[in-house]
Amino acid sequence: MPKAPSTLPPPLPADAPDTGALPASYEAGLQELERLVNELESGQMPLDQLLVSYQRGAALLTFCRDKLQAVEDQIKVLDAGSLKAWSAE
């Protein structure tokens, strides 16, 4: 008897988890990351969801770090390569 075709999508490679679309801004990414951390720390999340949330958090952390690094690089260019300490006048 021929085997019926599977209706399930093929599994994702282990090294390429689907972490969803990245947020529109640093602030949105940080807010989502904080929410995820709170959920993870609550200890109430099922194991399967825990792994997915951890992967999403890792992607958000990379996104936020990249955004911060880009801004820091722009500031360095604006300050001609040397950051100056801010002083209140």
C-alpha atoms as a PDB file:
ATOM      1  CA  MET A   1       0.000   0.000   0.000  1.00  0.00           C
ATOM      2  CA  PRO A   2       1.506   3.439  -0.947  1.00  0.00           C
ATOM      3  CA  LYS A   3       2.343   5.796   1.842  1.00  0.00           C
ATOM      4  CA  ALA A   4       0.178   8.914   2.111  1.00  0.00           C
ATOM      5  CA  PRO A   5       2.108  12.178   1.722  1.00  0.00           C
ATOM      6  CA  SER A   6       2.857  13.919   4.973  1.00  0.00           C
ATOM      7  CA  THR A   7       0.993  17.151   5.631  1.00  0.00           C
ATOM      8  CA  LEU A   8       3.558  18.328   8.176  1.00  0.00           C
ATOM      9  CA  PRO A   9       6.134  20.902   7.067  1.00  0.00           C
ATOM     10  CA  PRO A  10       9.752  19.748   7.026  1.00  0.00           C
ATOM     11  CA  PRO A  11      11.586  20.371  10.297  1.00  0.00           C
ATOM     12  CA  LEU A  12      13.803  23.407  10.561  1.00  0.00           C
ATOM     13  CA  PRO A  13      17.562  22.813  10.701  1.00  0.00           C
ATOM     14  CA  ALA A  14      18.829  22.780  14.284  1.00  0.00           C
ATOM     15  CA  ASP A  15      21.153  25.715  13.608  1.00  0.00           C
ATOM     16  CA  ALA A  16      18.423  27.953  12.171  1.00  0.00           C
ATOM     17  CA  PRO A  17      15.537  28.336  14.637  1.00  0.00           C
ATOM     18  CA  ASP A  18      12.559  30.420  13.559  1.00  0.00           C
ATOM     19  CA  THR A  19      12.653  33.375  15.908  1.00  0.00           C
ATOM     20  CA  GLY A  20      10.077  35.511  14.120  1.00  0.00           C
ATOM     21  CA  ALA A  21      10.368  39.011  12.749  1.00  0.00           C
ATOM     22  CA  LEU A  22      12.634  41.465  14.507  1.00  0.00           C
ATOM     23  CA  PRO A  23      11.035  44.469  16.214  1.00  0.00           C
ATOM     24  CA  ALA A  24      10.754  47.831  14.510  1.00  0.00           C
ATOM     25  CA  SER A  25      12.865  49.657  17.102  1.00  0.00           C
ATOM     26  CA  TYR A  26      15.358  49.176  19.932  1.00  0.00           C
ATOM     27  CA  GLU A  27      12.722  50.157  22.466  1.00  0.00           C
ATOM     28  CA  ALA A  28      10.225  47.586  21.152  1.00  0.00           C
ATOM     29  CA  GLY A  29      12.926  44.914  21.204  1.00  0.00           C
ATOM     30  CA  LEU A  30      13.949  45.780  24.747  1.00  0.00           C
ATOM     31  CA  GLN A  31      10.331  45.735  25.939  1.00  0.00           C
ATOM     32  CA  GLU A  32       9.731  42.307  24.391  1.00  0.00           C
ATOM     33  CA  LEU A  33      13.017  41.012  25.820  1.00  0.00           C
ATOM     34  CA  GLU A  34      12.073  42.198  29.320  1.00  0.00           C
ATOM     35  CA  ARG A  35       8.678  40.494  29.011  1.00  0.00           C
ATOM     36  CA  LEU A  36      10.326  37.247  27.905  1.00  0.00           C
ATOM     37  CA  VAL A  37      12.812  37.339  30.787  1.00  0.00           C
ATOM     38  CA  ASN A  38       9.962  37.803  33.274  1.00  0.00           C
ATOM     39  CA  GLU A  39       8.082  34.849  31.768  1.00  0.00           C
ATOM     40  CA  LEU A  40      11.199  32.658  31.775  1.00  0.00           C
ATOM     41  CA  GLU A  41      12.000  33.556  35.388  1.00  0.00           C
ATOM     42  CA  SER A  42       8.447  32.779  36.516  1.00  0.00           C
ATOM     43  CA  GLY A  43       9.071  29.073  36.076  1.00  0.00           C
ATOM     44  CA  GLN A  44       5.505  28.555  34.844  1.00  0.00           C
ATOM     45  CA  MET A  45       6.308  28.037  31.156  1.00  0.00           C
ATOM     46  CA  PRO A  46       6.023  24.577  29.538  1.00  0.00           C
ATOM     47  CA  LEU A  47       9.350  23.069  28.424  1.00  0.00           C
ATOM     48  CA  ASP A  48       8.648  23.351  24.678  1.00  0.00           C
ATOM     49  CA  GLN A  49       7.671  27.004  25.020  1.00  0.00           C
ATOM     50  CA  LEU A  50      10.704  27.606  27.219  1.00  0.00           C
ATOM     51  CA  LEU A  51      13.080  26.648  24.409  1.00  0.00           C
ATOM     52  CA  VAL A  52      11.240  28.774  21.837  1.00  0.00           C
ATOM     53  CA  SER A  53      11.215  31.760  24.200  1.00  0.00           C
ATOM     54  CA  TYR A  54      14.908  31.338  24.971  1.00  0.00           C
ATOM     55  CA  GLN A  55      15.730  31.336  21.243  1.00  0.00           C
ATOM     56  CA  ARG A  56      13.572  34.427  20.691  1.00  0.00           C
ATOM     57  CA  GLY A  57      15.294  36.140  23.629  1.00  0.00           C
ATOM     58  CA  ALA A  58      18.724  35.361  22.168  1.00  0.00           C
ATOM     59  CA  ALA A  59      17.656  36.881  18.830  1.00  0.00           C
ATOM     60  CA  LEU A  60      16.279  39.983  20.581  1.00  0.00           C
ATOM     61  CA  LEU A  61      19.456  40.364  22.628  1.00  0.00           C
ATOM     62  CA  THR A  62      21.568  40.279  19.464  1.00  0.00           C
ATOM     63  CA  PHE A  63      19.222  42.788  17.804  1.00  0.00           C
ATOM     64  CA  CYS A  64      19.437  45.220  20.743  1.00  0.00           C
ATOM     65  CA  ARG A  65      23.223  44.898  21.024  1.00  0.00           C
ATOM     66  CA  ASP A  66      23.599  45.555  17.296  1.00  0.00           C
ATOM     67  CA  LYS A  67      21.396  48.663  17.533  1.00  0.00           C
ATOM     68  CA  LEU A  68      23.399  49.998  20.489  1.00  0.00           C
ATOM     69  CA  GLN A  69      26.689  49.311  18.702  1.00  0.00           C
ATOM     70  CA  ALA A  70      25.467  51.158  15.597  1.00  0.00           C
ATOM     71  CA  VAL A  71      24.550  54.221  17.669  1.00  0.00           C
ATOM     72  CA  GLU A  72      27.882  54.110  19.512  1.00  0.00           C
ATOM     73  CA  ASP A  73      29.723  53.942  16.180  1.00  0.00           C
ATOM     74  CA  GLN A  74      27.781  56.960  14.907  1.00  0.00           C
ATOM     75  CA  ILE A  75      28.620  58.937  18.057  1.00  0.00           C
ATOM     76  CA  LYS A  76      32.309  58.117  17.629  1.00  0.00           C
ATOM     77  CA  VAL A  77      32.191  59.450  14.087  1.00  0.00           C
ATOM     78  CA  LEU A  78      30.406  62.621  15.207  1.00  0.00           C
ATOM     79  CA  ASP A  79      32.981  63.159  17.968  1.00  0.00           C
ATOM     80  CA  ALA A  80      35.838  62.654  15.482  1.00  0.00           C
ATOM     81  CA  GLY A  81      36.738  59.286  16.980  1.00  0.00           C
ATOM     82  CA  SER A  82      37.062  60.306  20.621  1.00  0.00           C
ATOM     83  CA  LEU A  83      34.240  60.154  23.121  1.00  0.00           C
ATOM     84  CA  LYS A  84      34.188  63.072  25.523  1.00  0.00           C
ATOM     85  CA  ALA A  85      32.965  62.907  29.096  1.00  0.00           C
ATOM     86  CA  TRP A  86      29.787  64.923  29.634  1.00  0.00           C
ATOM     87  CA  SER A  87      30.017  67.620  32.272  1.00  0.00           C
ATOM     88  CA  ALA A  88      27.159  69.653  33.708  1.00  0.00           C
ATOM     89  CA  GLU A  89      27.706  73.356  33.380  1.00  0.00           C
END
